[in-house]
């Protein structure tokens, strides 16, 4: 259009409304939506580690579903999960008091219970005993069984005589209770540390053990002396038998030699006798032959 001429619509043209506020509001909404999706995603995605099973609660109620190891989704905010170990684990029960029948209080510093929960029993055990099932089923039961055992035994039985049987007896008692109340939870083994006893009693046991060690040493030494004496006696018997056998052989040889000499002497005497007889016969015969000649 040539310069200086007015546009026919210039008088009717209106300015456009500003667009910036609307664009800012849309961006804010999008950011909120993305952030909300991110939060929901973060709270719905969860990871279950190897050797564990996830159980779910919704509104405080235990659900029937479980999840294996890996990444999984759940409804955020209204559903939560707990990871339950299904591999072999060791529960350490510490500072277990033990009151003996004689009134002496001793303490087991640590009892280790090796156990394993089967996958098929996870829901039943968690439903009946909560995810912290090992507290009533293992920790509390260990305290109970140890106190039951100690209350019927004296200190010497607990500390010395029956100590090597405590772990096996405790394992059997725990497993029997679990078979009745929580099938699927198995006790693999039990390790019991030596109990702590009062210092004065401990020193007495150490002195007693030292004396017992001395007695064992003396007994073993006596056995060695007796064994050596027995060996010497057997050696003397063997030597005596050997000498007797040698003497018997020598005597037999002498008898045989004497007998041989006697027989040789008898043979020689018989020979001499036969020779003299032969000589006498010859002389007699010769004299008999010479007599007629003399008479002539």
C-alpha atoms as a PDB file:
ATOM      1  CA  UNK A   1       0.000   0.000   0.000  1.00  0.00           C
ATOM      2  CA  UNK A   2       1.378   3.466  -0.857  1.00  0.00           C
ATOM      3  CA  UNK A   3       2.705   5.495   1.958  1.00  0.00           C
ATOM      4  CA  UNK A   4       0.457   8.235   3.271  1.00  0.00           C
ATOM      5  CA  UNK A   5      -2.819   6.336   2.704  1.00  0.00           C
ATOM      6  CA  UNK A   6      -4.949   5.092   5.639  1.00  0.00           C
ATOM      7  CA  UNK A   7      -5.883   1.418   5.892  1.00  0.00           C
ATOM      8  CA  UNK A   8      -9.643   1.078   5.670  1.00  0.00           C
ATOM      9  CA  UNK A   9      -9.866  -1.198   8.771  1.00  0.00           C
ATOM     10  CA  UNK A  10      -7.452   0.715  11.005  1.00  0.00           C
ATOM     11  CA  UNK A  11     -10.254   2.290  12.881  1.00  0.00           C
ATOM     12  CA  UNK A  12     -11.936  -1.079  13.713  1.00  0.00           C
ATOM     13  CA  UNK A  13      -8.802  -3.096  14.774  1.00  0.00           C
ATOM     14  CA  UNK A  14      -8.722  -4.205  18.510  1.00  0.00           C
ATOM     15  CA  UNK A  15      -5.626  -5.275  20.513  1.00  0.00           C
ATOM     16  CA  UNK A  16      -5.295  -9.052  21.276  1.00  0.00           C
ATOM     17  CA  UNK A  17      -5.692 -10.143  24.939  1.00  0.00           C
ATOM     18  CA  UNK A  18      -2.437 -11.079  26.774  1.00  0.00           C
ATOM     19  CA  UNK A  19      -1.559 -14.865  26.558  1.00  0.00           C
ATOM     20  CA  UNK A  20       1.240 -15.128  29.164  1.00  0.00           C
ATOM     21  CA  UNK A  21      -0.940 -15.727  32.301  1.00  0.00           C
ATOM     22  CA  UNK A  22      -2.778 -18.618  30.639  1.00  0.00           C
ATOM     23  CA  UNK A  23       0.469 -20.258  29.532  1.00  0.00           C
ATOM     24  CA  UNK A  24       1.910 -19.955  33.066  1.00  0.00           C
ATOM     25  CA  UNK A  25      -1.161 -21.586  34.633  1.00  0.00           C
ATOM     26  CA  UNK A  26      -1.060 -24.476  32.159  1.00  0.00           C
ATOM     27  CA  UNK A  27       2.624 -25.085  32.875  1.00  0.00           C
ATOM     28  CA  UNK A  28       1.994 -25.057  36.614  1.00  0.00           C
ATOM     29  CA  UNK A  29      -0.813 -27.617  36.282  1.00  0.00           C
ATOM     30  CA  UNK A  30       1.361 -29.843  34.149  1.00  0.00           C
ATOM     31  CA  UNK A  31       4.175 -29.634  36.704  1.00  0.00           C
ATOM     32  CA  UNK A  32       1.766 -30.530  39.531  1.00  0.00           C
ATOM     33  CA  UNK A  33       0.432 -33.477  37.554  1.00  0.00           C
ATOM     34  CA  UNK A  34       3.934 -34.729  36.762  1.00  0.00           C
ATOM     35  CA  UNK A  35       5.003 -34.308  40.394  1.00  0.00           C
ATOM     36  CA  UNK A  36       1.859 -36.118  41.580  1.00  0.00           C
ATOM     37  CA  UNK A  37       2.501 -38.958  39.153  1.00  0.00           C
ATOM     38  CA  UNK A  38       6.100 -39.118  40.356  1.00  0.00           C
ATOM     39  CA  UNK A  39       5.019 -39.286  44.000  1.00  0.00           C
ATOM     40  CA  UNK A  40       2.409 -41.944  43.255  1.00  0.00           C
ATOM     41  CA  UNK A  41       4.960 -43.911  41.248  1.00  0.00           C
ATOM     42  CA  UNK A  42       7.513 -43.617  44.035  1.00  0.00           C
ATOM     43  CA  UNK A  43       5.110 -44.809  46.704  1.00  0.00           C
ATOM     44  CA  UNK A  44       3.602 -47.576  44.582  1.00  0.00           C
ATOM     45  CA  UNK A  45       6.830 -49.092  43.266  1.00  0.00           C
ATOM     46  CA  UNK A  46       8.706 -51.231  45.749  1.00  0.00           C
ATOM     47  CA  UNK A  47      11.505 -53.794  45.675  1.00  0.00           C
ATOM     48  CA  UNK A  48      11.602 -57.207  47.334  1.00  0.00           C
ATOM     49  CA  UNK A  49      15.122 -58.527  47.965  1.00  0.00           C
ATOM     50  CA  UNK A  50      16.239 -62.053  47.174  1.00  0.00           C
ATOM     51  CA  UNK A  51      15.485 -64.485  49.992  1.00  0.00           C
ATOM     52  CA  UNK A  52      12.386 -62.533  51.077  1.00  0.00           C
ATOM     53  CA  UNK A  53       8.644 -62.574  50.427  1.00  0.00           C
ATOM     54  CA  UNK A  54       6.491 -59.423  50.555  1.00  0.00           C
ATOM     55  CA  UNK A  55       3.151 -59.503  52.385  1.00  0.00           C
ATOM     56  CA  UNK A  56       0.643 -56.661  52.042  1.00  0.00           C
ATOM     57  CA  UNK A  57      -1.640 -54.802  54.420  1.00  0.00           C
ATOM     58  CA  UNK A  58      -4.578 -52.636  53.365  1.00  0.00           C
ATOM     59  CA  UNK A  59      -6.407 -50.745  56.029  1.00  0.00           C
ATOM     60  CA  UNK A  60      -4.681 -52.856  58.660  1.00  0.00           C
ATOM     61  CA  UNK A  61      -5.908 -56.132  57.140  1.00  0.00           C
ATOM     62  CA  UNK A  62      -3.487 -58.721  55.835  1.00  0.00           C
ATOM     63  CA  UNK A  63      -4.088 -59.446  52.150  1.00  0.00           C
ATOM     64  CA  UNK A  64      -3.870 -62.908  50.619  1.00  0.00           C
ATOM     65  CA  UNK A  65      -1.374 -61.860  47.957  1.00  0.00           C
ATOM     66  CA  UNK A  66       2.400 -62.093  48.273  1.00  0.00           C
ATOM     67  CA  UNK A  67       5.262 -61.055  46.002  1.00  0.00           C
ATOM     68  CA  UNK A  68       8.480 -62.797  45.076  1.00  0.00           C
ATOM     69  CA  UNK A  69      11.841 -60.983  44.837  1.00  0.00           C
ATOM     70  CA  UNK A  70      11.921 -58.149  42.286  1.00  0.00           C
ATOM     71  CA  UNK A  71      10.113 -54.863  41.578  1.00  0.00           C
ATOM     72  CA  UNK A  72       6.345 -54.647  42.164  1.00  0.00           C
ATOM     73  CA  UNK A  73       3.514 -52.068  42.262  1.00  0.00           C
ATOM     74  CA  UNK A  74       0.867 -51.509  44.918  1.00  0.00           C
ATOM     75  CA  UNK A  75      -1.824 -48.954  45.622  1.00  0.00           C
ATOM     76  CA  UNK A  76      -0.018 -46.045  47.242  1.00  0.00           C
ATOM     77  CA  UNK A  77      -0.995 -44.614  50.639  1.00  0.00           C
ATOM     78  CA  UNK A  78      -3.667 -47.239  51.350  1.00  0.00           C
ATOM     79  CA  UNK A  79      -1.505 -50.351  50.919  1.00  0.00           C
ATOM     80  CA  UNK A  80       1.801 -51.043  52.612  1.00  0.00           C
ATOM     81  CA  UNK A  81       4.079 -54.060  52.548  1.00  0.00           C
ATOM     82  CA  UNK A  82       6.430 -55.934  54.901  1.00  0.00           C
ATOM     83  CA  UNK A  83       9.368 -58.030  53.698  1.00  0.00           C
ATOM     84  CA  UNK A  84       9.597 -61.457  55.368  1.00  0.00           C
ATOM     85  CA  UNK A  85      12.839 -63.451  55.211  1.00  0.00           C
ATOM     86  CA  UNK A  86      12.419 -67.048  53.997  1.00  0.00           C
ATOM     87  CA  UNK A  87      16.072 -68.085  53.983  1.00  0.00           C
ATOM     88  CA  UNK A  88      18.028 -69.409  56.944  1.00  0.00           C
ATOM     89  CA  UNK A  89      18.452 -66.753  59.632  1.00  0.00           C
ATOM     90  CA  UNK A  90      19.961 -66.633  63.112  1.00  0.00           C
ATOM     91  CA  UNK A  91      18.151 -65.071  66.068  1.00  0.00           C
ATOM     92  CA  UNK A  92      20.406 -64.105  68.976  1.00  0.00           C
ATOM     93  CA  UNK A  93      18.702 -64.226  72.351  1.00  0.00           C
ATOM     94  CA  UNK A  94      20.868 -62.374  74.872  1.00  0.00           C
ATOM     95  CA  UNK A  95      21.147 -62.153  78.657  1.00  0.00           C
ATOM     96  CA  UNK A  96      18.847 -65.031  79.583  1.00  0.00           C
ATOM     97  CA  UNK A  97      18.495 -65.354  83.378  1.00  0.00           C
ATOM     98  CA  UNK A  98      18.643 -68.845  84.835  1.00  0.00           C
ATOM     99  CA  UNK A  99      17.679 -69.534  88.437  1.00  0.00           C
ATOM    100  CA  UNK A 100      18.872 -72.956  89.575  1.00  0.00           C
ATOM    101  CA  UNK A 101      17.064 -75.190  92.037  1.00  0.00           C
ATOM    102  CA  UNK A 102      19.636 -74.207  94.684  1.00  0.00           C
ATOM    103  CA  UNK A 103      18.773 -70.514  94.387  1.00  0.00           C
ATOM    104  CA  UNK A 104      21.868 -69.413  92.432  1.00  0.00           C
ATOM    105  CA  UNK A 105      21.142 -66.939  89.631  1.00  0.00           C
ATOM    106  CA  UNK A 106      23.280 -67.333  86.521  1.00  0.00           C
ATOM    107  CA  UNK A 107      23.009 -65.818  83.033  1.00  0.00           C
ATOM    108  CA  UNK A 108      23.438 -67.181  79.534  1.00  0.00           C
ATOM    109  CA  UNK A 109      25.184 -64.417  77.625  1.00  0.00           C
ATOM    110  CA  UNK A 110      23.879 -65.516  74.219  1.00  0.00           C
ATOM    111  CA  UNK A 111      21.817 -68.324  72.718  1.00  0.00           C
ATOM    112  CA  UNK A 112      21.720 -68.484  68.929  1.00  0.00           C
ATOM    113  CA  UNK A 113      18.701 -70.096  67.253  1.00  0.00           C
ATOM    114  CA  UNK A 114      19.146 -70.876  63.562  1.00  0.00           C
ATOM    115  CA  UNK A 115      15.714 -71.115  61.897  1.00  0.00           C
ATOM    116  CA  UNK A 116      13.980 -70.992  58.558  1.00  0.00           C
ATOM    117  CA  UNK A 117      10.408 -70.130  57.547  1.00  0.00           C
ATOM    118  CA  UNK A 118       8.971 -71.969  54.528  1.00  0.00           C
ATOM    119  CA  UNK A 119       7.409 -69.884  51.769  1.00  0.00           C
ATOM    120  CA  UNK A 120       4.084 -71.720  51.961  1.00  0.00           C
ATOM    121  CA  UNK A 121       3.697 -70.867  55.661  1.00  0.00           C
ATOM    122  CA  UNK A 122       4.463 -67.143  55.477  1.00  0.00           C
ATOM    123  CA  UNK A 123       0.857 -65.908  55.421  1.00  0.00           C
ATOM    124  CA  UNK A 124      -0.351 -68.199  58.233  1.00  0.00           C
ATOM    125  CA  UNK A 125       2.582 -67.371  60.516  1.00  0.00           C
ATOM    126  CA  UNK A 126       2.333 -63.616  59.870  1.00  0.00           C
ATOM    127  CA  UNK A 127      -1.439 -63.672  60.353  1.00  0.00           C
ATOM    128  CA  UNK A 128      -1.192 -65.471  63.690  1.00  0.00           C
ATOM    129  CA  UNK A 129       1.991 -63.908  65.082  1.00  0.00           C
ATOM    130  CA  UNK A 130       2.560 -60.652  63.072  1.00  0.00           C
ATOM    131  CA  UNK A 131       5.710 -60.013  60.981  1.00  0.00           C
ATOM    132  CA  UNK A 132       7.701 -60.062  64.227  1.00  0.00           C
ATOM    133  CA  UNK A 133       6.777 -63.716  64.708  1.00  0.00           C
ATOM    134  CA  UNK A 134      10.209 -64.645  66.052  1.00  0.00           C
ATOM    135  CA  UNK A 135       9.621 -62.691  69.275  1.00  0.00           C
ATOM    136  CA  UNK A 136       6.792 -64.860  70.665  1.00  0.00           C
ATOM    137  CA  UNK A 137       7.844 -68.065  68.926  1.00  0.00           C
ATOM    138  CA  UNK A 138      11.609 -67.984  69.513  1.00  0.00           C
ATOM    139  CA  UNK A 139      12.796 -65.229  71.856  1.00  0.00           C
ATOM    140  CA  UNK A 140      10.065 -65.646  74.478  1.00  0.00           C
ATOM    141  CA  UNK A 141      10.101 -69.431  74.133  1.00  0.00           C
ATOM    142  CA  UNK A 142      13.866 -69.599  74.706  1.00  0.00           C
ATOM    143  CA  UNK A 143      13.493 -67.646  77.954  1.00  0.00           C
ATOM    144  CA  UNK A 144      10.673 -69.941  79.045  1.00  0.00           C
ATOM    145  CA  UNK A 145      12.485 -73.204  78.251  1.00  0.00           C
ATOM    146  CA  UNK A 146      15.755 -72.094  79.858  1.00  0.00           C
ATOM    147  CA  UNK A 147      13.965 -71.115  83.065  1.00  0.00           C
ATOM    148  CA  UNK A 148      12.052 -74.397  83.093  1.00  0.00           C
ATOM    149  CA  UNK A 149      15.299 -76.323  82.731  1.00  0.00           C
ATOM    150  CA  UNK A 150      17.248 -74.353  85.324  1.00  0.00           C
ATOM    151  CA  UNK A 151      14.520 -74.520  87.946  1.00  0.00           C
ATOM    152  CA  UNK A 152      14.824 -78.316  88.117  1.00  0.00           C
ATOM    153  CA  UNK A 153      18.636 -78.551  88.111  1.00  0.00           C
ATOM    154  CA  UNK A 154      21.384 -77.518  90.497  1.00  0.00           C
ATOM    155  CA  UNK A 155      24.284 -75.310  89.508  1.00  0.00           C
ATOM    156  CA  UNK A 156      26.728 -78.156  88.933  1.00  0.00           C
ATOM    157  CA  UNK A 157      24.305 -79.898  86.560  1.00  0.00           C
ATOM    158  CA  UNK A 158      23.662 -76.745  84.538  1.00  0.00           C
ATOM    159  CA  UNK A 159      27.282 -75.614  84.435  1.00  0.00           C
ATOM    160  CA  UNK A 160      29.059 -78.983  84.084  1.00  0.00           C
ATOM    161  CA  UNK A 161      27.092 -82.230  83.903  1.00  0.00           C
ATOM    162  CA  UNK A 162      24.194 -81.350  81.575  1.00  0.00           C
ATOM    163  CA  UNK A 163      25.603 -78.341  79.731  1.00  0.00           C
ATOM    164  CA  UNK A 164      26.425 -80.373  76.619  1.00  0.00           C
ATOM    165  CA  UNK A 165      22.763 -81.441  76.390  1.00  0.00           C
ATOM    166  CA  UNK A 166      21.155 -77.998  76.672  1.00  0.00           C
ATOM    167  CA  UNK A 167      21.384 -77.097  72.974  1.00  0.00           C
ATOM    168  CA  UNK A 168      19.834 -80.347  71.754  1.00  0.00           C
ATOM    169  CA  UNK A 169      17.100 -80.324  74.410  1.00  0.00           C
ATOM    170  CA  UNK A 170      16.288 -76.685  73.661  1.00  0.00           C
ATOM    171  CA  UNK A 171      16.125 -77.375  69.923  1.00  0.00           C
ATOM    172  CA  UNK A 172      13.714 -80.270  70.446  1.00  0.00           C
ATOM    173  CA  UNK A 173      11.495 -78.227  72.786  1.00  0.00           C
ATOM    174  CA  UNK A 174      11.346 -75.283  70.377  1.00  0.00           C
ATOM    175  CA  UNK A 175      10.580 -77.488  67.382  1.00  0.00           C
ATOM    176  CA  UNK A 176       7.846 -79.361  69.230  1.00  0.00           C
ATOM    177  CA  UNK A 177       6.156 -76.072  70.151  1.00  0.00           C
ATOM    178  CA  UNK A 178       6.493 -74.760  66.586  1.00  0.00           C
ATOM    179  CA  UNK A 179       5.027 -77.936  65.091  1.00  0.00           C
ATOM    180  CA  UNK A 180       1.924 -77.338  67.205  1.00  0.00           C
ATOM    181  CA  UNK A 181       1.588 -73.564  66.847  1.00  0.00           C
ATOM    182  CA  UNK A 182       3.472 -72.480  63.715  1.00  0.00           C
ATOM    183  CA  UNK A 183       4.012 -75.323  61.235  1.00  0.00           C
ATOM    184  CA  UNK A 184       6.506 -74.373  58.568  1.00  0.00           C
ATOM    185  CA  UNK A 185       8.923 -72.628  60.900  1.00  0.00           C
ATOM    186  CA  UNK A 186      11.801 -75.053  61.398  1.00  0.00           C
ATOM    187  CA  UNK A 187      14.689 -74.954  63.858  1.00  0.00           C
ATOM    188  CA  UNK A 188      17.957 -75.790  62.106  1.00  0.00           C
ATOM    189  CA  UNK A 189      20.194 -75.629  65.160  1.00  0.00           C
ATOM    190  CA  UNK A 190      20.810 -74.073  68.571  1.00  0.00           C
ATOM    191  CA  UNK A 191      24.123 -72.817  69.964  1.00  0.00           C
ATOM    192  CA  UNK A 192      24.418 -72.088  73.691  1.00  0.00           C
ATOM    193  CA  UNK A 193      27.288 -70.156  75.254  1.00  0.00           C
ATOM    194  CA  UNK A 194      28.704 -71.064  78.656  1.00  0.00           C
ATOM    195  CA  UNK A 195      26.621 -69.366  81.371  1.00  0.00           C
ATOM    196  CA  UNK A 196      28.020 -66.633  83.576  1.00  0.00           C
ATOM    197  CA  UNK A 197      28.160 -67.590  87.247  1.00  0.00           C
ATOM    198  CA  UNK A 198      29.073 -65.554  90.359  1.00  0.00           C
ATOM    199  CA  UNK A 199      32.786 -64.828  90.600  1.00  0.00           C
ATOM    200  CA  UNK A 200      33.359 -66.638  93.890  1.00  0.00           C
ATOM    201  CA  UNK A 201      31.673 -69.771  92.585  1.00  0.00           C
ATOM    202  CA  UNK A 202      33.604 -69.517  89.338  1.00  0.00           C
ATOM    203  CA  UNK A 203      36.917 -69.422  91.227  1.00  0.00           C
ATOM    204  CA  UNK A 204      35.870 -72.487  93.207  1.00  0.00           C
ATOM    205  CA  UNK A 205      35.104 -74.298  89.972  1.00  0.00           C
ATOM    206  CA  UNK A 206      38.469 -73.272  88.565  1.00  0.00           C
ATOM    207  CA  UNK A 207      40.227 -74.624  91.668  1.00  0.00           C
ATOM    208  CA  UNK A 208      38.157 -77.785  91.464  1.00  0.00           C
ATOM    209  CA  UNK A 209      39.013 -78.160  87.802  1.00  0.00           C
ATOM    210  CA  UNK A 210      42.708 -77.619  88.556  1.00  0.00           C
ATOM    211  CA  UNK A 211      42.607 -80.322  91.235  1.00  0.00           C
ATOM    212  CA  UNK A 212      40.733 -82.616  88.897  1.00  0.00           C
ATOM    213  CA  UNK A 213      43.368 -82.005  86.251  1.00  0.00           C
ATOM    214  CA  UNK A 214      46.118 -82.868  88.726  1.00  0.00           C
ATOM    215  CA  UNK A 215      44.247 -86.019  89.675  1.00  0.00           C
ATOM    216  CA  UNK A 216      43.861 -86.974  86.040  1.00  0.00           C
ATOM    217  CA  UNK A 217      47.564 -86.380  85.465  1.00  0.00           C
ATOM    218  CA  UNK A 218      48.471 -88.480  88.511  1.00  0.00           C
ATOM    219  CA  UNK A 219      46.066 -91.196  87.415  1.00  0.00           C
ATOM    220  CA  UNK A 220      47.491 -91.244  83.928  1.00  0.00           C
ATOM    221  CA  UNK A 221      51.015 -91.311  85.334  1.00  0.00           C
ATOM    222  CA  UNK A 222      50.067 -94.241  87.564  1.00  0.00           C
ATOM    223  CA  UNK A 223      48.639 -96.000  84.537  1.00  0.00           C
ATOM    224  CA  UNK A 224      51.893 -95.426  82.679  1.00  0.00           C
ATOM    225  CA  UNK A 225      53.915 -96.832  85.601  1.00  0.00           C
ATOM    226  CA  UNK A 226      51.611 -99.832  85.860  1.00  0.00           C
ATOM    227  CA  UNK A 227      51.827-100.349  82.124  1.00  0.00           C
ATOM    228  CA  UNK A 228      55.618-100.202  82.240  1.00  0.00           C
ATOM    229  CA  UNK A 229      55.678-102.651  85.171  1.00  0.00           C
ATOM    230  CA  UNK A 230      53.320-104.951  83.301  1.00  0.00           C
ATOM    231  CA  UNK A 231      55.535-104.708  80.253  1.00  0.00           C
ATOM    232  CA  UNK A 232      58.619-105.543  82.362  1.00  0.00           C
ATOM    233  CA  UNK A 233      56.787-108.473  83.937  1.00  0.00           C
ATOM    234  CA  UNK A 234      55.774-109.809  80.556  1.00  0.00           C
ATOM    235  CA  UNK A 235      59.299-109.306  79.286  1.00  0.00           C
ATOM    236  CA  UNK A 236      60.703-111.196  82.320  1.00  0.00           C
ATOM    237  CA  UNK A 237      58.193-113.999  81.751  1.00  0.00           C
ATOM    238  CA  UNK A 238      59.190-114.184  78.109  1.00  0.00           C
ATOM    239  CA  UNK A 239      62.883-114.221  79.061  1.00  0.00           C
ATOM    240  CA  UNK A 240      62.263-116.893  81.702  1.00  0.00           C
ATOM    241  CA  UNK A 241      60.338-119.019  79.216  1.00  0.00           C
ATOM    242  CA  UNK A 242      63.093-118.527  76.703  1.00  0.00           C
ATOM    243  CA  UNK A 243      65.746-119.547  79.238  1.00  0.00           C
ATOM    244  CA  UNK A 244      63.643-122.525  80.332  1.00  0.00           C
ATOM    245  CA  UNK A 245      63.235-123.594  76.735  1.00  0.00           C
ATOM    246  CA  UNK A 246      66.981-123.186  76.172  1.00  0.00           C
ATOM    247  CA  UNK A 247      67.741-125.159  79.351  1.00  0.00           C
ATOM    248  CA  UNK A 248      65.262-127.831  78.321  1.00  0.00           C
ATOM    249  CA  UNK A 249      66.859-128.060  74.920  1.00  0.00           C
ATOM    250  CA  UNK A 250      70.332-128.176  76.485  1.00  0.00           C
ATOM    251  CA  UNK A 251      69.189-130.849  78.941  1.00  0.00           C
ATOM    252  CA  UNK A 252      67.639-132.840  76.138  1.00  0.00           C
ATOM    253  CA  UNK A 253      70.850-132.553  74.201  1.00  0.00           C
ATOM    254  CA  UNK A 254      72.829-133.766  77.224  1.00  0.00           C
ATOM    255  CA  UNK A 255      70.432-136.690  77.711  1.00  0.00           C
ATOM    256  CA  UNK A 256      70.745-137.565  74.069  1.00  0.00           C
ATOM    257  CA  UNK A 257      74.525-137.340  74.276  1.00  0.00           C
ATOM    258  CA  UNK A 258      74.590-139.515  77.412  1.00  0.00           C
ATOM    259  CA  UNK A 259      72.279-141.996  75.789  1.00  0.00           C
ATOM    260  CA  UNK A 260      74.425-142.032  72.704  1.00  0.00           C
ATOM    261  CA  UNK A 261      77.537-142.531  74.796  1.00  0.00           C
ATOM    262  CA  UNK A 262      75.810-145.312  76.711  1.00  0.00           C
ATOM    263  CA  UNK A 263      74.753-147.025  73.554  1.00  0.00           C
ATOM    264  CA  UNK A 264      78.240-146.638  72.102  1.00  0.00           C
ATOM    265  CA  UNK A 265      79.684-148.040  75.307  1.00  0.00           C
ATOM    266  CA  UNK A 266      77.265-150.952  75.176  1.00  0.00           C
ATOM    267  CA  UNK A 267      78.174-151.598  71.580  1.00  0.00           C
ATOM    268  CA  UNK A 268      81.861-151.369  72.420  1.00  0.00           C
ATOM    269  CA  UNK A 269      81.447-153.714  75.428  1.00  0.00           C
ATOM    270  CA  UNK A 270      79.502-156.152  73.306  1.00  0.00           C
ATOM    271  CA  UNK A 271      82.187-155.985  70.685  1.00  0.00           C
ATOM    272  CA  UNK A 272      84.945-156.562  73.244  1.00  0.00           C
ATOM    273  CA  UNK A 273      82.941-159.388  74.792  1.00  0.00           C
ATOM    274  CA  UNK A 274      82.433-160.975  71.430  1.00  0.00           C
ATOM    275  CA  UNK A 275      86.096-160.581  70.626  1.00  0.00           C
ATOM    276  CA  UNK A 276      87.169-162.158  73.919  1.00  0.00           C
ATOM    277  CA  UNK A 277      84.658-164.928  73.482  1.00  0.00           C
ATOM    278  CA  UNK A 278      85.873-165.537  70.004  1.00  0.00           C
ATOM    279  CA  UNK A 279      89.415-165.521  71.262  1.00  0.00           C
ATOM    280  CA  UNK A 280      88.529-167.898  74.108  1.00  0.00           C
ATOM    281  CA  UNK A 281      86.763-170.187  71.700  1.00  0.00           C
ATOM    282  CA  UNK A 282      89.724-170.122  69.427  1.00  0.00           C
ATOM    283  CA  UNK A 283      92.085-170.929  72.290  1.00  0.00           C
ATOM    284  CA  UNK A 284      89.751-173.685  73.481  1.00  0.00           C
ATOM    285  CA  UNK A 285      89.566-175.166  70.036  1.00  0.00           C
ATOM    286  CA  UNK A 286      93.293-174.909  69.609  1.00  0.00           C
ATOM    287  CA  UNK A 287      93.846-176.618  72.992  1.00  0.00           C
ATOM    288  CA  UNK A 288      91.386-179.308  72.088  1.00  0.00           C
ATOM    289  CA  UNK A 289      93.224-179.972  68.876  1.00  0.00           C
ATOM    290  CA  UNK A 290      96.615-180.070  70.586  1.00  0.00           C
ATOM    291  CA  UNK A 291      95.562-182.600  73.327  1.00  0.00           C
ATOM    292  CA  UNK A 292      95.498-185.801  71.158  1.00  0.00           C
ATOM    293  CA  UNK A 293      98.884-185.048  69.812  1.00  0.00           C
ATOM    294  CA  UNK A 294     100.267-184.834  73.345  1.00  0.00           C
ATOM    295  CA  UNK A 295      98.737-188.177  74.291  1.00  0.00           C
ATOM    296  CA  UNK A 296     100.495-189.803  71.389  1.00  0.00           C
END
